[in-house]
Amino acid sequence: MKPWIIMGNGRIGRLRAISYSVWLFLAFLPILILQVNFQLDHEVTSAFVLNVLLAVTLGPINIMFAIRRLHDMNRSGWWSLIQVPMNIVSPEAKYRPNEPGLMGAIVVTACIVMVIYALALIFVPGTKGDNRFGLPPPPNSGWVIAGVIVGILLPFAACTAIVALRVATG
């Protein structure tokens, strides 16, 4: 049986995980934009509520994607818990980015660990054939490939739009 997109069982390939993450990001982009606008307007309570909504909604989905990627690499899904501390430390880092001492060291260490972890999920290939977590992921569809292309082009398009808006507004 093919696992549902956000279930923690089964395996998911690198491109499919990236593509699903891109489509999920685009689905939640309006809420993210609203949250950033609240933050820029210093409406702290509204920004906090949307931040919690995003974390509660997207956090478990991201963990499910990570579990399935780890399964594809024949690793236990328990390794996905590496990202939980970053979800706890991240809001702290947002509001106190230059904190000296122990908190600053914790934030920097958590960021380094998360970058290494994310790069491993993206670049480490899955095992060939069956493994202890099931059959290999299905071949990538056109939507999967489109999601990866959008994910690659989106940052460039966003940066271009921001520069164009800055130039246009002087």
Protein backbone atom coordinates (compact mmCIF):
# COMPACT_ATOMS: atom_id res chain seq x y z
CA MET A 1 0.00 0.00 0.00
CA LYS A 2 1.35 3.42 -0.97
CA PRO A 3 1.71 5.65 2.12
CA TRP A 4 -0.22 8.88 2.29
CA ILE A 5 1.92 11.99 1.74
CA ILE A 6 2.30 12.96 5.40
CA MET A 7 2.40 9.52 7.00
CA GLY A 8 5.58 8.39 8.73
CA ASN A 9 5.65 4.91 7.25
CA GLY A 10 7.31 3.88 4.02
CA ARG A 11 10.03 5.61 2.06
CA ILE A 12 10.34 8.84 0.11
CA GLY A 13 13.07 9.74 -2.36
CA ARG A 14 15.14 12.91 -2.33
CA LEU A 15 13.39 14.67 -5.21
CA ARG A 16 9.92 13.76 -3.98
CA ALA A 17 10.72 15.05 -0.46
CA ILE A 18 12.04 18.32 -1.88
CA SER A 19 9.05 18.66 -4.19
CA TYR A 20 6.48 17.96 -1.46
CA SER A 21 8.23 20.50 0.77
CA VAL A 22 8.11 23.14 -1.97
CA TRP A 23 4.40 22.57 -2.66
CA LEU A 24 3.68 22.62 1.09
CA PHE A 25 5.64 25.87 1.46
CA LEU A 26 3.67 27.44 -1.40
CA ALA A 27 0.38 26.31 0.17
CA PHE A 28 1.29 28.00 3.47
CA LEU A 29 2.97 31.04 1.90
CA PRO A 30 -0.04 33.38 2.41
CA ILE A 31 -0.01 32.64 6.16
CA LEU A 32 3.75 33.11 6.29
CA ILE A 33 3.50 36.46 4.49
CA LEU A 34 0.77 37.56 6.90
CA GLN A 35 2.91 36.50 9.86
CA VAL A 36 5.92 38.47 8.58
CA ASN A 37 3.73 41.53 7.97
CA PHE A 38 2.39 41.34 11.54
CA GLN A 39 5.95 41.08 12.80
CA LEU A 40 7.10 44.08 10.73
CA ASP A 41 4.11 46.09 11.95
CA HIS A 42 5.05 45.18 15.55
CA GLU A 43 1.77 43.34 16.08
CA VAL A 44 3.55 40.84 18.29
CA THR A 45 0.51 38.89 19.49
CA SER A 46 -0.86 38.30 15.99
CA ALA A 47 2.60 37.35 14.71
CA PHE A 48 3.07 34.96 17.63
CA VAL A 49 -0.32 33.28 17.06
CA LEU A 50 0.46 32.72 13.36
CA ASN A 51 3.96 31.53 14.24
CA VAL A 52 2.49 28.94 16.61
CA LEU A 53 -0.09 27.93 13.98
CA LEU A 54 2.66 27.42 11.41
CA ALA A 55 4.85 25.49 13.85
CA VAL A 56 2.02 23.22 15.03
CA THR A 57 0.87 22.55 11.47
CA LEU A 58 4.15 22.29 9.58
CA GLY A 59 6.35 20.81 12.33
CA PRO A 60 4.74 17.36 12.37
CA ILE A 61 4.52 17.26 8.57
CA ASN A 62 8.23 18.07 8.27
CA ILE A 63 9.02 15.35 10.79
CA MET A 64 6.98 12.85 8.74
CA PHE A 65 8.90 13.80 5.59
CA ALA A 66 12.18 13.40 7.49
CA ILE A 67 11.15 10.00 8.86
CA ARG A 68 10.36 8.73 5.39
CA ARG A 69 13.65 10.13 3.99
CA LEU A 70 15.53 8.43 6.81
CA HIS A 71 13.67 5.20 6.05
CA ASP A 72 14.78 5.52 2.44
CA MET A 73 18.37 5.68 3.71
CA ASN A 74 17.66 2.57 5.87
CA ARG A 75 17.91 4.64 9.07
CA SER A 76 15.52 4.76 11.99
CA GLY A 77 12.92 7.50 11.93
CA TRP A 78 13.94 8.36 15.48
CA TRP A 79 16.84 10.35 13.96
CA SER A 80 14.21 12.88 12.85
CA LEU A 81 14.02 14.10 16.44
CA ILE A 82 17.27 15.97 15.74
CA GLN A 83 15.14 18.76 14.30
CA VAL A 84 12.95 19.17 17.40
CA PRO A 85 15.51 21.17 19.44
CA MET A 86 15.94 23.56 16.52
CA ASN A 87 12.21 24.22 16.55
CA ILE A 88 12.55 25.12 20.22
CA VAL A 89 15.75 27.18 19.86
CA SER A 90 14.74 28.89 16.61
CA PRO A 91 12.16 31.32 18.07
CA GLU A 92 14.68 32.26 20.75
CA ALA A 93 17.30 32.96 18.09
CA LYS A 94 14.84 35.11 16.16
CA TYR A 95 14.31 37.51 19.04
CA ARG A 96 17.84 37.47 20.48
CA PRO A 97 20.21 36.68 17.58
CA ASN A 98 23.38 38.06 19.19
CA GLU A 99 22.92 36.55 22.62
CA PRO A 100 26.33 36.00 24.25
CA GLY A 101 27.28 33.07 26.40
CA LEU A 102 25.64 29.67 26.67
CA MET A 103 22.43 30.55 24.80
CA GLY A 104 24.43 31.90 21.86
CA ALA A 105 26.55 28.74 21.77
CA ILE A 106 23.43 26.57 21.88
CA VAL A 107 21.83 28.50 19.01
CA VAL A 108 24.98 28.32 16.85
CA THR A 109 25.44 24.59 17.57
CA ALA A 110 21.78 23.86 16.81
CA CYS A 111 22.05 25.75 13.51
CA ILE A 112 25.17 23.85 12.47
CA VAL A 113 23.58 20.49 13.35
CA MET A 114 20.41 21.40 11.42
CA VAL A 115 22.35 22.41 8.31
CA ILE A 116 24.30 19.13 8.32
CA TYR A 117 21.10 17.17 8.97
CA ALA A 118 19.21 18.96 6.16
CA LEU A 119 22.07 18.44 3.72
CA ALA A 120 22.14 14.74 4.57
CA LEU A 121 18.39 14.43 3.93
CA ILE A 122 18.80 16.18 0.58
CA PHE A 123 21.99 14.62 -0.75
CA VAL A 124 22.40 11.15 0.78
CA PRO A 125 20.84 8.66 -1.66
CA GLY A 126 18.36 6.05 -0.55
CA THR A 127 19.18 2.37 -0.51
CA LYS A 128 18.72 0.47 -3.76
CA GLY A 129 15.82 -1.96 -3.80
CA ASP A 130 13.89 -3.10 -0.74
CA ASN A 131 15.13 -2.31 2.75
CA ARG A 132 13.76 -2.95 6.24
CA PHE A 133 11.28 -0.07 5.78
CA GLY A 134 9.70 -1.30 2.58
CA LEU A 135 9.81 -1.06 -1.17
CA PRO A 136 11.76 1.68 -2.93
CA PRO A 137 9.86 4.91 -3.62
CA PRO A 138 7.95 5.09 -6.91
CA PRO A 139 9.50 6.84 -9.92
CA ASN A 140 9.20 10.62 -9.92
CA SER A 141 6.19 12.06 -11.71
CA GLY A 142 6.06 15.28 -13.69
CA TRP A 143 4.61 17.08 -10.64
CA VAL A 144 7.57 15.96 -8.54
CA ILE A 145 10.05 17.27 -11.09
CA ALA A 146 8.03 20.49 -11.46
CA GLY A 147 8.14 20.97 -7.69
CA VAL A 148 11.92 20.64 -7.65
CA ILE A 149 12.27 23.11 -10.54
CA VAL A 150 9.95 25.57 -8.76
CA GLY A 151 11.99 25.08 -5.58
CA ILE A 152 15.19 25.94 -7.44
CA LEU A 153 13.76 28.90 -9.35
CA LEU A 154 11.62 30.39 -6.55
CA PRO A 155 14.47 31.98 -4.56
CA PHE A 156 15.88 33.59 -7.71
CA ALA A 157 12.45 34.89 -8.72
CA ALA A 158 11.83 36.22 -5.19
CA CYS A 159 15.20 38.01 -5.07
CA THR A 160 14.61 39.51 -8.51
CA ALA A 161 11.16 40.72 -7.46
CA ILE A 162 12.53 42.27 -4.26
CA VAL A 163 15.30 44.09 -6.15
CA ALA A 164 12.82 45.28 -8.79
CA LEU A 165 10.48 46.61 -6.07
CA ARG A 166 13.36 48.38 -4.30
CA VAL A 167 14.48 49.99 -7.56
CA ALA A 168 10.92 50.98 -8.49
CA THR A 169 10.22 52.54 -5.10
CA GLY A 170 13.53 54.38 -5.03
